[in-house]
Structure formats: structure tokens, C-alpha cells
Protein backbone atom coordinates (compact mmCIF):
# COMPACT_ATOMS: atom_id res chain seq x y z
CA MET A 1 40.98 14.30 56.61
CA LYS A 2 42.10 17.85 56.43
CA ARG A 3 39.53 20.15 54.30
CA SER A 4 40.91 22.91 52.28
CA LYS A 5 38.77 26.50 51.91
CA ARG A 6 37.18 27.16 49.14
CA LYS A 7 38.34 29.79 47.24
CA THR A 8 35.96 32.37 44.60
CA VAL A 9 36.64 34.61 41.92
CA TRP A 10 36.37 38.24 43.08
CA ALA A 11 35.67 41.02 40.38
CA TYR A 12 37.27 44.84 41.16
CA LEU A 13 36.18 47.69 39.32
CA ASP A 14 39.04 50.81 39.71
CA GLY A 15 40.26 48.76 42.54
CA LYS A 16 37.30 48.56 44.73
CA LYS A 17 35.43 45.07 45.43
CA LEU A 18 32.17 44.82 43.65
CA VAL A 19 31.02 41.14 43.30
CA ASP A 20 32.05 37.61 43.85
CA VAL A 21 31.95 36.44 40.27
CA VAL A 22 31.67 32.18 41.01
CA GLN A 23 28.45 33.48 43.46
CA ALA A 24 27.07 35.83 40.82
CA ALA A 25 27.52 32.98 37.54
CA LEU A 26 25.57 30.10 40.03
CA ASP A 27 23.13 32.89 40.66
CA ASN A 28 22.16 33.42 37.40
CA HIS A 29 22.78 29.79 35.76
CA MET A 30 26.14 31.40 33.99
CA MET A 31 29.60 29.96 33.26
CA VAL A 32 31.83 32.27 35.06
CA ASP A 33 33.90 33.17 31.72
CA GLU A 34 30.32 34.33 30.64
CA VAL A 35 30.16 36.91 34.03
CA LYS A 36 33.58 38.19 33.87
CA ALA A 37 32.57 38.96 29.75
CA LEU A 38 29.64 40.73 31.02
CA LEU A 39 31.12 42.39 33.50
CA ILE A 40 33.74 44.03 31.24
CA ARG A 41 31.36 44.68 28.74
CA GLU A 42 28.95 46.82 30.60
CA ASN A 43 31.56 48.87 32.96
CA PRO A 44 32.98 50.33 29.88
CA GLY A 45 35.82 53.23 30.47
CA HIS A 46 36.67 51.19 34.02
CA GLU A 47 39.13 48.69 34.94
CA VAL A 48 37.91 45.52 35.61
CA THR A 49 40.07 43.11 37.18
CA PHE A 50 39.59 39.39 38.68
CA LYS A 51 41.16 37.87 41.94
CA VAL A 52 41.14 34.48 43.18
CA GLN A 53 40.77 34.63 46.76
């Protein structure tokens, strides 16, 4: 049985790696979408992007 690598979602602030969104959601008992919205709301004037890796 071949096991695939686990993927996670990284948040980037102005192109620099900021935080593992999945781990932050688990640590704070939140949904991934809630953490994404929170990051966007807390960083006005910055470009927040998300990538699955």
C-alpha cells in the first residue's frame, strides 16, 4: 500500500512564507477558511496568498 505525502496550505504575506494554515487551524480549533479570512482581515494593505504544497 503506497501512502501519499500529506499536503498542507501555506499562507504567504507579500510573497514571503508566513504560516501553515492547516496547523494554525488545528491549534486554534478553527476551520481552514476561518483562518484564511482572519489572516486577510488582520493584514490590510498586504498581499496575502495561499498555496497548497
